[in-house]
Amino acid sequence: MKIALYTRKGSQIDNPKLSYLEQRLRDLNDDIFYCSKDDIPSSLEDTDLVLSLGGDGTFLEAVAFLKDRQKPIAGINFGKLGFLTTAKIDDGDNKWIEDLAKGSYNIENRLLLQAEGDSLPSNLHPYCLNEFSLLRQKSIMNISVSVDGKSLPSYWADGLLVATPTGSTAYALSIGGPVIIPSASCLIICPFAPHNLNIRPIVVSSDSIIDIKFTSNDGTARMAMDNHSCDINSGSTIRLKKAPYYARYVSLRDMSFIDALRDKLMWGEDIRNSI
């Protein structure tokens, strides 16, 4: 099996856990090579599996690097929380290394979001796995949103976020959005700090076309697609829709999304149960 090890430049090269992982893979007769966002993606054409080495930020960067190549990708946690990561190296036997090398895993098609608009810079990667966000500079913004041509009430807010099911446990969770099972076909629209007591997040179909227009006295706002961002001018319109391809997310067969919620986000944890 040919395996690409994706890292941020220089971030994990001297990590002894990385040396351990590399040796285990070589012992299994795997053909491995390193890559990062500055490399030419064509080197991935005959690659069977991509391992993202780091935390969630590295994983999102690796997904953007792959673009539409449809390679299975697994996150190996060298960071902190690592909610998107599949496994981490510990003091045990790390059997998951053999599972990955032998193809003993599940592949989940994770929805990606695509942004379109005349005001978007040509060098912006217009796809995201977690979320699109639009944030004010200084002044509150007036944000108009329509879903499949039907207008929602205008938002007076610090910004707006549109998240995928994968992104429901990221930024969207911290501003009151719901937790969505990754296999669900939907999108979450959440305002940041709306100046209105009865504005709440809304869940729409992943097949929806979402048009967003904003005005601001600052003249610009900060737009981000996961960890890629740019400034866009007041009065701009952005169209969001489901991307034409998916991220092929690798999950181990003994780990589920519910397990990750419980183990990594302490879902349902109640201090009273330990008294």
C-alpha atoms as a PDB file:
ATOM      1  CA  MET A   1       0.000   0.000   0.000  1.00  0.00           C
ATOM      2  CA  LYS A   2       1.251   3.496  -0.859  1.00  0.00           C
ATOM      3  CA  ILE A   3       0.655   5.909   2.016  1.00  0.00           C
ATOM      4  CA  ALA A   4       1.176   9.687   2.061  1.00  0.00           C
ATOM      5  CA  LEU A   5       2.094  11.266   5.415  1.00  0.00           C
ATOM      6  CA  TYR A   6       0.789  14.824   5.380  1.00  0.00           C
ATOM      7  CA  THR A   7       2.404  17.294   7.785  1.00  0.00           C
ATOM      8  CA  ARG A   8       2.690  21.006   8.245  1.00  0.00           C
ATOM      9  CA  LYS A   9       6.234  21.990   7.262  1.00  0.00           C
ATOM     10  CA  GLY A  10       8.658  20.986  10.043  1.00  0.00           C
ATOM     11  CA  SER A  11       5.913  20.504  12.633  1.00  0.00           C
ATOM     12  CA  GLN A  12       6.299  16.793  13.471  1.00  0.00           C
ATOM     13  CA  ILE A  13       9.513  15.733  11.731  1.00  0.00           C
ATOM     14  CA  ASP A  14      11.514  15.375  14.968  1.00  0.00           C
ATOM     15  CA  ASN A  15       8.695  13.832  16.984  1.00  0.00           C
ATOM     16  CA  PRO A  16       9.688  10.345  18.258  1.00  0.00           C
ATOM     17  CA  LYS A  17       6.076   9.175  17.876  1.00  0.00           C
ATOM     18  CA  LEU A  18       6.303  10.010  14.200  1.00  0.00           C
ATOM     19  CA  SER A  19       9.496   7.959  13.886  1.00  0.00           C
ATOM     20  CA  TYR A  20       7.691   5.074  15.567  1.00  0.00           C
ATOM     21  CA  LEU A  21       4.737   5.344  13.163  1.00  0.00           C
ATOM     22  CA  GLU A  22       7.012   5.515  10.137  1.00  0.00           C
ATOM     23  CA  GLN A  23       8.966   2.425  11.202  1.00  0.00           C
ATOM     24  CA  ARG A  24       5.819   0.420  11.914  1.00  0.00           C
ATOM     25  CA  LEU A  25       4.500   1.225   8.440  1.00  0.00           C
ATOM     26  CA  ARG A  26       7.810   0.300   6.790  1.00  0.00           C
ATOM     27  CA  ASP A  27       7.857  -2.984   8.710  1.00  0.00           C
ATOM     28  CA  LEU A  28       4.480  -3.729   7.107  1.00  0.00           C
ATOM     29  CA  ASN A  29       6.082  -3.213   3.672  1.00  0.00           C
ATOM     30  CA  ASP A  30       4.168  -0.017   3.024  1.00  0.00           C
ATOM     31  CA  ASP A  31       5.535   2.514   0.553  1.00  0.00           C
ATOM     32  CA  ILE A  32       5.398   5.840   2.400  1.00  0.00           C
ATOM     33  CA  PHE A  33       6.314   9.417   1.528  1.00  0.00           C
ATOM     34  CA  TYR A  34       5.884  12.838   3.087  1.00  0.00           C
ATOM     35  CA  CYS A  35       3.956  15.752   1.623  1.00  0.00           C
ATOM     36  CA  SER A  36       2.726  19.195   2.642  1.00  0.00           C
ATOM     37  CA  LYS A  37       0.657  21.991   1.122  1.00  0.00           C
ATOM     38  CA  ASP A  38       3.663  23.350  -0.827  1.00  0.00           C
ATOM     39  CA  ASP A  39       4.129  20.095  -2.740  1.00  0.00           C
ATOM     40  CA  ILE A  40       2.656  19.258  -6.130  1.00  0.00           C
ATOM     41  CA  PRO A  41      -0.592  17.317  -5.544  1.00  0.00           C
ATOM     42  CA  SER A  42       0.002  15.157  -8.640  1.00  0.00           C
ATOM     43  CA  SER A  43       2.325  13.023  -6.479  1.00  0.00           C
ATOM     44  CA  LEU A  44      -0.857  11.633  -4.897  1.00  0.00           C
ATOM     45  CA  GLU A  45      -2.278  10.110  -8.068  1.00  0.00           C
ATOM     46  CA  ASP A  46      -1.353   6.488  -7.221  1.00  0.00           C
ATOM     47  CA  THR A  47      -1.606   6.923  -3.432  1.00  0.00           C
ATOM     48  CA  ASP A  48      -3.929   4.538  -1.560  1.00  0.00           C
ATOM     49  CA  LEU A  49      -4.246   6.388   1.753  1.00  0.00           C
ATOM     50  CA  VAL A  50      -3.349   9.782   3.237  1.00  0.00           C
ATOM     51  CA  LEU A  51      -2.471  10.146   6.925  1.00  0.00           C
ATOM     52  CA  SER A  52      -2.774  13.683   8.286  1.00  0.00           C
ATOM     53  CA  LEU A  53      -0.286  14.057  11.153  1.00  0.00           C
ATOM     54  CA  GLY A  54      -1.300  16.766  13.614  1.00  0.00           C
ATOM     55  CA  GLY A  55      -4.562  18.112  14.972  1.00  0.00           C
ATOM     56  CA  ASP A  56      -7.819  19.243  13.401  1.00  0.00           C
ATOM     57  CA  GLY A  57      -6.176  22.241  11.727  1.00  0.00           C
ATOM     58  CA  THR A  58      -3.715  19.992   9.919  1.00  0.00           C
ATOM     59  CA  PHE A  59      -6.556  17.683   8.894  1.00  0.00           C
ATOM     60  CA  LEU A  60      -8.523  20.571   7.352  1.00  0.00           C
ATOM     61  CA  GLU A  61      -5.392  21.709   5.532  1.00  0.00           C
ATOM     62  CA  ALA A  62      -4.844  18.184   4.192  1.00  0.00           C
ATOM     63  CA  VAL A  63      -8.441  17.991   2.914  1.00  0.00           C
ATOM     64  CA  ALA A  64      -7.903  21.260   1.031  1.00  0.00           C
ATOM     65  CA  PHE A  65      -4.597  19.919  -0.352  1.00  0.00           C
ATOM     66  CA  LEU A  66      -6.324  16.810  -1.717  1.00  0.00           C
ATOM     67  CA  LYS A  67      -9.006  18.887  -3.487  1.00  0.00           C
ATOM     68  CA  ASP A  68     -11.104  16.552  -5.657  1.00  0.00           C
ATOM     69  CA  ARG A  69      -8.682  13.599  -5.723  1.00  0.00           C
ATOM     70  CA  GLN A  70     -11.006  11.459  -3.598  1.00  0.00           C
ATOM     71  CA  LYS A  71      -8.235   9.801  -1.595  1.00  0.00           C
ATOM     72  CA  PRO A  72      -9.166   8.241   1.761  1.00  0.00           C
ATOM     73  CA  ILE A  73      -7.773  10.396   4.580  1.00  0.00           C
ATOM     74  CA  ALA A  74      -7.225   9.534   8.243  1.00  0.00           C
ATOM     75  CA  GLY A  75      -6.152  11.968  10.941  1.00  0.00           C
ATOM     76  CA  ILE A  76      -3.440  10.823  13.372  1.00  0.00           C
ATOM     77  CA  ASN A  77      -3.558  13.050  16.429  1.00  0.00           C
ATOM     78  CA  PHE A  78      -0.280  14.769  17.255  1.00  0.00           C
ATOM     79  CA  GLY A  79      -2.174  17.813  18.504  1.00  0.00           C
ATOM     80  CA  LYS A  80      -4.571  18.394  21.409  1.00  0.00           C
ATOM     81  CA  LEU A  81      -8.296  17.606  21.119  1.00  0.00           C
ATOM     82  CA  GLY A  82      -8.217  16.220  17.588  1.00  0.00           C
ATOM     83  CA  PHE A  83     -11.960  15.636  17.184  1.00  0.00           C
ATOM     84  CA  LEU A  84     -11.562  14.946  13.458  1.00  0.00           C
ATOM     85  CA  THR A  85      -8.633  12.591  13.942  1.00  0.00           C
ATOM     86  CA  THR A  86      -9.003   8.821  13.665  1.00  0.00           C
ATOM     87  CA  ALA A  87      -6.328   7.610  16.099  1.00  0.00           C
ATOM     88  CA  LYS A  88      -3.326   8.596  18.212  1.00  0.00           C
ATOM     89  CA  ILE A  89      -0.116   6.881  19.288  1.00  0.00           C
ATOM     90  CA  ASP A  90      -0.094   5.806  22.934  1.00  0.00           C
ATOM     91  CA  ASP A  91       1.729   3.283  25.137  1.00  0.00           C
ATOM     92  CA  GLY A  92      -0.411   0.360  23.929  1.00  0.00           C
ATOM     93  CA  ASP A  93       0.105  -1.905  20.930  1.00  0.00           C
ATOM     94  CA  ASN A  94      -1.395   0.680  18.518  1.00  0.00           C
ATOM     95  CA  LYS A  95      -3.071  -2.060  16.513  1.00  0.00           C
ATOM     96  CA  TRP A  96      -4.808   0.602  14.457  1.00  0.00           C
ATOM     97  CA  ILE A  97      -1.575   1.028  12.475  1.00  0.00           C
ATOM     98  CA  GLU A  98      -1.984  -2.491  11.080  1.00  0.00           C
ATOM     99  CA  ASP A  99      -5.692  -1.885  10.524  1.00  0.00           C
ATOM    100  CA  LEU A 100      -4.952   1.188   8.410  1.00  0.00           C
ATOM    101  CA  ALA A 101      -2.141  -0.521   6.497  1.00  0.00           C
ATOM    102  CA  LYS A 102      -4.361  -3.500   5.679  1.00  0.00           C
ATOM    103  CA  GLY A 103      -7.362  -1.419   4.680  1.00  0.00           C
ATOM    104  CA  SER A 104      -9.366  -2.587   7.682  1.00  0.00           C
ATOM    105  CA  TYR A 105     -11.387   0.604   8.135  1.00  0.00           C
ATOM    106  CA  ASN A 106     -14.583   2.327   7.060  1.00  0.00           C
ATOM    107  CA  ILE A 107     -14.795   5.235   4.629  1.00  0.00           C
ATOM    108  CA  GLU A 108     -17.397   7.930   5.260  1.00  0.00           C
ATOM    109  CA  ASN A 109     -18.305  10.436   2.550  1.00  0.00           C
ATOM    110  CA  ARG A 110     -18.222  13.782   4.345  1.00  0.00           C
ATOM    111  CA  LEU A 111     -20.099  16.673   2.762  1.00  0.00           C
ATOM    112  CA  LEU A 112     -18.090  19.699   1.614  1.00  0.00           C
ATOM    113  CA  LEU A 113     -19.427  23.220   1.162  1.00  0.00           C
ATOM    114  CA  GLN A 114     -18.597  25.339  -1.896  1.00  0.00           C
ATOM    115  CA  ALA A 115     -18.602  29.156  -2.097  1.00  0.00           C
ATOM    116  CA  GLU A 116     -19.133  31.206  -5.244  1.00  0.00           C
ATOM    117  CA  GLY A 117     -19.130  34.951  -5.864  1.00  0.00           C
ATOM    118  CA  ASP A 118     -17.632  37.598  -8.117  1.00  0.00           C
ATOM    119  CA  SER A 119     -15.983  39.286  -5.124  1.00  0.00           C
ATOM    120  CA  LEU A 120     -14.032  36.207  -3.997  1.00  0.00           C
ATOM    121  CA  PRO A 121     -10.277  36.337  -4.705  1.00  0.00           C
ATOM    122  CA  SER A 122      -9.056  33.873  -7.320  1.00  0.00           C
ATOM    123  CA  ASN A 123      -6.509  32.330  -4.936  1.00  0.00           C
ATOM    124  CA  LEU A 124      -9.080  31.451  -2.252  1.00  0.00           C
ATOM    125  CA  HIS A 125      -9.772  27.738  -1.853  1.00  0.00           C
ATOM    126  CA  PRO A 126     -13.594  27.829  -2.194  1.00  0.00           C
ATOM    127  CA  TYR A 127     -14.381  24.566  -0.362  1.00  0.00           C
ATOM    128  CA  CYS A 128     -14.656  23.701   3.316  1.00  0.00           C
ATOM    129  CA  LEU A 129     -15.252  20.599   5.409  1.00  0.00           C
ATOM    130  CA  ASN A 130     -16.313  22.363   8.619  1.00  0.00           C
ATOM    131  CA  GLU A 131     -17.782  25.793   8.008  1.00  0.00           C
ATOM    132  CA  PHE A 132     -18.098  29.040   6.107  1.00  0.00           C
ATOM    133  CA  SER A 133     -17.976  32.115   8.336  1.00  0.00           C
ATOM    134  CA  LEU A 134     -18.474  35.823   7.812  1.00  0.00           C
ATOM    135  CA  LEU A 135     -17.350  38.143  10.629  1.00  0.00           C
ATOM    136  CA  ARG A 136     -17.498  41.883  11.193  1.00  0.00           C
ATOM    137  CA  GLN A 137     -14.409  44.056  11.445  1.00  0.00           C
ATOM    138  CA  LYS A 138     -15.676  46.649  13.961  1.00  0.00           C
ATOM    139  CA  SER A 139     -19.277  47.563  13.219  1.00  0.00           C
ATOM    140  CA  ILE A 140     -22.333  45.309  13.421  1.00  0.00           C
ATOM    141  CA  MET A 141     -23.472  43.962  10.039  1.00  0.00           C
ATOM    142  CA  ASN A 142     -26.827  43.682   8.331  1.00  0.00           C
ATOM    143  CA  ILE A 143     -26.937  40.246   6.711  1.00  0.00           C
ATOM    144  CA  SER A 144     -29.581  39.071   4.240  1.00  0.00           C
ATOM    145  CA  VAL A 145     -29.930  35.331   3.644  1.00  0.00           C
ATOM    146  CA  SER A 146     -32.108  33.411   1.214  1.00  0.00           C
ATOM    147  CA  VAL A 147     -32.514  29.630   0.987  1.00  0.00           C
ATOM    148  CA  ASP A 148     -33.595  28.362  -2.433  1.00  0.00           C
ATOM    149  CA  GLY A 149     -34.834  31.854  -3.236  1.00  0.00           C
ATOM    150  CA  LYS A 150     -36.880  32.238  -0.022  1.00  0.00           C
ATOM    151  CA  SER A 151     -35.684  35.099   2.178  1.00  0.00           C
ATOM    152  CA  LEU A 152     -35.004  34.592   5.882  1.00  0.00           C
ATOM    153  CA  PRO A 153     -35.421  37.475   8.337  1.00  0.00           C
ATOM    154  CA  SER A 154     -32.449  39.848   8.124  1.00  0.00           C
ATOM    155  CA  TYR A 155     -29.728  39.405  10.725  1.00  0.00           C
ATOM    156  CA  TRP A 156     -28.275  42.346  12.635  1.00  0.00           C
ATOM    157  CA  ALA A 157     -25.278  40.494  14.014  1.00  0.00           C
ATOM    158  CA  ASP A 158     -21.520  40.222  14.372  1.00  0.00           C
ATOM    159  CA  GLY A 159     -21.533  37.687  11.560  1.00  0.00           C
ATOM    160  CA  LEU A 160     -22.925  34.483  10.142  1.00  0.00           C
ATOM    161  CA  LEU A 161     -21.778  30.873  10.002  1.00  0.00           C
ATOM    162  CA  VAL A 162     -22.917  28.035   7.736  1.00  0.00           C
ATOM    163  CA  ALA A 163     -21.710  24.631   8.896  1.00  0.00           C
ATOM    164  CA  THR A 164     -21.750  21.109   7.523  1.00  0.00           C
ATOM    165  CA  PRO A 165     -22.668  18.124   9.719  1.00  0.00           C
ATOM    166  CA  THR A 166     -18.921  17.540  10.246  1.00  0.00           C
ATOM    167  CA  GLY A 167     -18.566  21.164  11.333  1.00  0.00           C
ATOM    168  CA  SER A 168     -21.456  20.939  13.792  1.00  0.00           C
ATOM    169  CA  THR A 169     -19.008  19.904  16.538  1.00  0.00           C
ATOM    170  CA  ALA A 170     -16.603  22.768  15.769  1.00  0.00           C
ATOM    171  CA  TYR A 171     -17.240  26.520  15.579  1.00  0.00           C
ATOM    172  CA  ALA A 172     -21.017  26.058  15.229  1.00  0.00           C
ATOM    173  CA  LEU A 173     -21.194  24.188  18.532  1.00  0.00           C
ATOM    174  CA  SER A 174     -19.618  27.107  20.396  1.00  0.00           C
ATOM    175  CA  ILE A 175     -22.303  29.547  19.194  1.00  0.00           C
ATOM    176  CA  GLY A 176     -25.275  27.374  20.078  1.00  0.00           C
ATOM    177  CA  GLY A 177     -25.706  25.217  16.983  1.00  0.00           C
ATOM    178  CA  PRO A 178     -26.994  21.623  17.197  1.00  0.00           C
ATOM    179  CA  VAL A 179     -24.847  18.496  17.008  1.00  0.00           C
ATOM    180  CA  ILE A 180     -25.518  16.721  13.691  1.00  0.00           C
ATOM    181  CA  ILE A 181     -24.610  13.128  12.811  1.00  0.00           C
ATOM    182  CA  PRO A 182     -22.004  13.325   9.985  1.00  0.00           C
ATOM    183  CA  SER A 183     -24.098  11.184   7.615  1.00  0.00           C
ATOM    184  CA  ALA A 184     -27.051  13.608   7.756  1.00  0.00           C
ATOM    185  CA  SER A 185     -27.810  15.596   4.590  1.00  0.00           C
ATOM    186  CA  CYS A 186     -28.198  19.080   5.999  1.00  0.00           C
ATOM    187  CA  LEU A 187     -26.535  22.426   6.693  1.00  0.00           C
ATOM    188  CA  ILE A 188     -26.689  24.689   9.753  1.00  0.00           C
ATOM    189  CA  ILE A 189     -27.130  28.465   9.520  1.00  0.00           C
ATOM    190  CA  CYS A 190     -26.056  30.248  12.726  1.00  0.00           C
ATOM    191  CA  PRO A 191     -25.708  33.995  13.393  1.00  0.00           C
ATOM    192  CA  PHE A 192     -22.913  35.341  15.610  1.00  0.00           C
ATOM    193  CA  ALA A 193     -24.280  37.427  18.496  1.00  0.00           C
ATOM    194  CA  PRO A 194     -27.545  38.505  16.807  1.00  0.00           C
ATOM    195  CA  HIS A 195     -29.073  41.726  18.111  1.00  0.00           C
ATOM    196  CA  ASN A 196     -32.467  40.051  18.401  1.00  0.00           C
ATOM    197  CA  LEU A 197     -33.792  37.793  21.152  1.00  0.00           C
ATOM    198  CA  ASN A 198     -35.824  35.495  18.900  1.00  0.00           C
ATOM    199  CA  ILE A 199     -33.195  34.640  16.254  1.00  0.00           C
ATOM    200  CA  ARG A 200     -32.060  31.014  16.429  1.00  0.00           C
ATOM    201  CA  PRO A 201     -29.947  28.653  14.294  1.00  0.00           C
ATOM    202  CA  ILE A 202     -31.811  26.911  11.483  1.00  0.00           C
ATOM    203  CA  VAL A 203     -31.126  23.570   9.777  1.00  0.00           C
ATOM    204  CA  VAL A 204     -31.716  23.304   6.013  1.00  0.00           C
ATOM    205  CA  SER A 205     -31.251  20.633   3.363  1.00  0.00           C
ATOM    206  CA  SER A 206     -27.727  20.079   2.037  1.00  0.00           C
ATOM    207  CA  ASP A 207     -29.205  20.435  -1.457  1.00  0.00           C
ATOM    208  CA  SER A 208     -30.214  24.017  -0.687  1.00  0.00           C
ATOM    209  CA  ILE A 209     -28.710  27.019  -2.442  1.00  0.00           C
ATOM    210  CA  ILE A 210     -27.862  29.661   0.178  1.00  0.00           C
ATOM    211  CA  ASP A 211     -27.325  33.271  -0.941  1.00  0.00           C
ATOM    212  CA  ILE A 212     -25.767  35.710   1.539  1.00  0.00           C
ATOM    213  CA  LYS A 213     -25.433  39.493   1.161  1.00  0.00           C
ATOM    214  CA  PHE A 214     -24.182  41.898   3.818  1.00  0.00           C
ATOM    215  CA  THR A 215     -23.653  45.595   4.418  1.00  0.00           C
ATOM    216  CA  SER A 216     -21.333  47.147   6.960  1.00  0.00           C
ATOM    217  CA  ASN A 217     -20.131  50.643   7.822  1.00  0.00           C
ATOM    218  CA  ASP A 218     -16.614  49.218   7.932  1.00  0.00           C
ATOM    219  CA  GLY A 219     -16.713  48.599   4.203  1.00  0.00           C
ATOM    220  CA  THR A 220     -15.402  45.026   4.524  1.00  0.00           C
ATOM    221  CA  ALA A 221     -15.897  41.817   6.497  1.00  0.00           C
ATOM    222  CA  ARG A 222     -13.704  38.782   7.107  1.00  0.00           C
ATOM    223  CA  MET A 223     -14.780  35.626   5.303  1.00  0.00           C
ATOM    224  CA  ALA A 224     -13.331  32.164   6.009  1.00  0.00           C
ATOM    225  CA  MET A 225     -13.662  28.694   4.522  1.00  0.00           C
ATOM    226  CA  ASP A 226     -12.263  26.549   7.348  1.00  0.00           C
ATOM    227  CA  ASN A 227      -8.710  27.888   7.776  1.00  0.00           C
ATOM    228  CA  HIS A 228      -8.589  29.892   4.512  1.00  0.00           C
ATOM    229  CA  SER A 229      -9.728  33.513   4.823  1.00  0.00           C
ATOM    230  CA  CYS A 230      -9.954  36.834   3.006  1.00  0.00           C
ATOM    231  CA  ASP A 231     -11.570  40.273   3.265  1.00  0.00           C
ATOM    232  CA  ILE A 232     -14.615  40.947   1.092  1.00  0.00           C
ATOM    233  CA  ASN A 233     -16.384  44.224   0.391  1.00  0.00           C
ATOM    234  CA  SER A 234     -19.678  45.372   1.848  1.00  0.00           C
ATOM    235  CA  GLY A 235     -22.516  44.733  -0.596  1.00  0.00           C
ATOM    236  CA  SER A 236     -20.971  41.484  -1.833  1.00  0.00           C
ATOM    237  CA  THR A 237     -23.099  38.403  -2.435  1.00  0.00           C
ATOM    238  CA  ILE A 238     -21.813  34.896  -1.685  1.00  0.00           C
ATOM    239  CA  ARG A 239     -23.554  31.744  -2.854  1.00  0.00           C
ATOM    240  CA  LEU A 240     -23.079  28.529  -0.860  1.00  0.00           C
ATOM    241  CA  LYS A 241     -23.964  25.053  -2.079  1.00  0.00           C
ATOM    242  CA  LYS A 242     -22.951  21.422  -1.684  1.00  0.00           C
ATOM    243  CA  ALA A 243     -19.634  20.711  -3.386  1.00  0.00           C
ATOM    244  CA  PRO A 244     -19.605  18.268  -6.337  1.00  0.00           C
ATOM    245  CA  TYR A 245     -17.346  15.845  -4.443  1.00  0.00           C
ATOM    246  CA  TYR A 246     -16.877  14.560  -0.878  1.00  0.00           C
ATOM    247  CA  ALA A 247     -14.040  14.188   1.592  1.00  0.00           C
ATOM    248  CA  ARG A 248     -13.425  10.444   2.052  1.00  0.00           C
ATOM    249  CA  TYR A 249     -13.029  10.275   5.821  1.00  0.00           C
ATOM    250  CA  VAL A 250     -11.431   7.150   7.318  1.00  0.00           C
ATOM    251  CA  SER A 251     -12.865   5.801  10.573  1.00  0.00           C
ATOM    252  CA  LEU A 252     -11.734   2.747  12.494  1.00  0.00           C
ATOM    253  CA  ARG A 253     -14.317   0.024  12.855  1.00  0.00           C
ATOM    254  CA  ASP A 254     -14.293   0.084  16.663  1.00  0.00           C
ATOM    255  CA  MET A 255     -14.890   3.855  16.916  1.00  0.00           C
ATOM    256  CA  SER A 256     -18.158   5.680  16.195  1.00  0.00           C
ATOM    257  CA  PHE A 257     -19.220   9.330  16.107  1.00  0.00           C
ATOM    258  CA  ILE A 258     -21.102   8.813  19.378  1.00  0.00           C
ATOM    259  CA  ASP A 259     -17.916   7.411  20.956  1.00  0.00           C
ATOM    260  CA  ALA A 260     -16.035  10.526  19.814  1.00  0.00           C
ATOM    261  CA  LEU A 261     -18.690  12.803  21.351  1.00  0.00           C
ATOM    262  CA  ARG A 262     -18.420  10.956  24.634  1.00  0.00           C
ATOM    263  CA  ASP A 263     -14.632  10.569  24.753  1.00  0.00           C
ATOM    264  CA  LYS A 264     -13.468  13.856  23.233  1.00  0.00           C
ATOM    265  CA  LEU A 265     -16.256  16.339  24.054  1.00  0.00           C
ATOM    266  CA  MET A 266     -17.316  14.655  27.324  1.00  0.00           C
ATOM    267  CA  TRP A 267     -20.903  14.436  26.053  1.00  0.00           C
ATOM    268  CA  GLY A 268     -23.297  13.661  28.893  1.00  0.00           C
ATOM    269  CA  GLU A 269     -20.553  13.948  31.513  1.00  0.00           C
ATOM    270  CA  ASP A 270     -22.126  14.809  34.861  1.00  0.00           C
ATOM    271  CA  ILE A 271     -19.969  15.507  37.929  1.00  0.00           C
ATOM    272  CA  ARG A 272     -22.786  14.161  40.116  1.00  0.00           C
ATOM    273  CA  ASN A 273     -22.102  10.666  38.768  1.00  0.00           C
ATOM    274  CA  SER A 274     -18.611  10.680  40.287  1.00  0.00           C
ATOM    275  CA  ILE A 275     -19.652  11.786  43.762  1.00  0.00           C
END
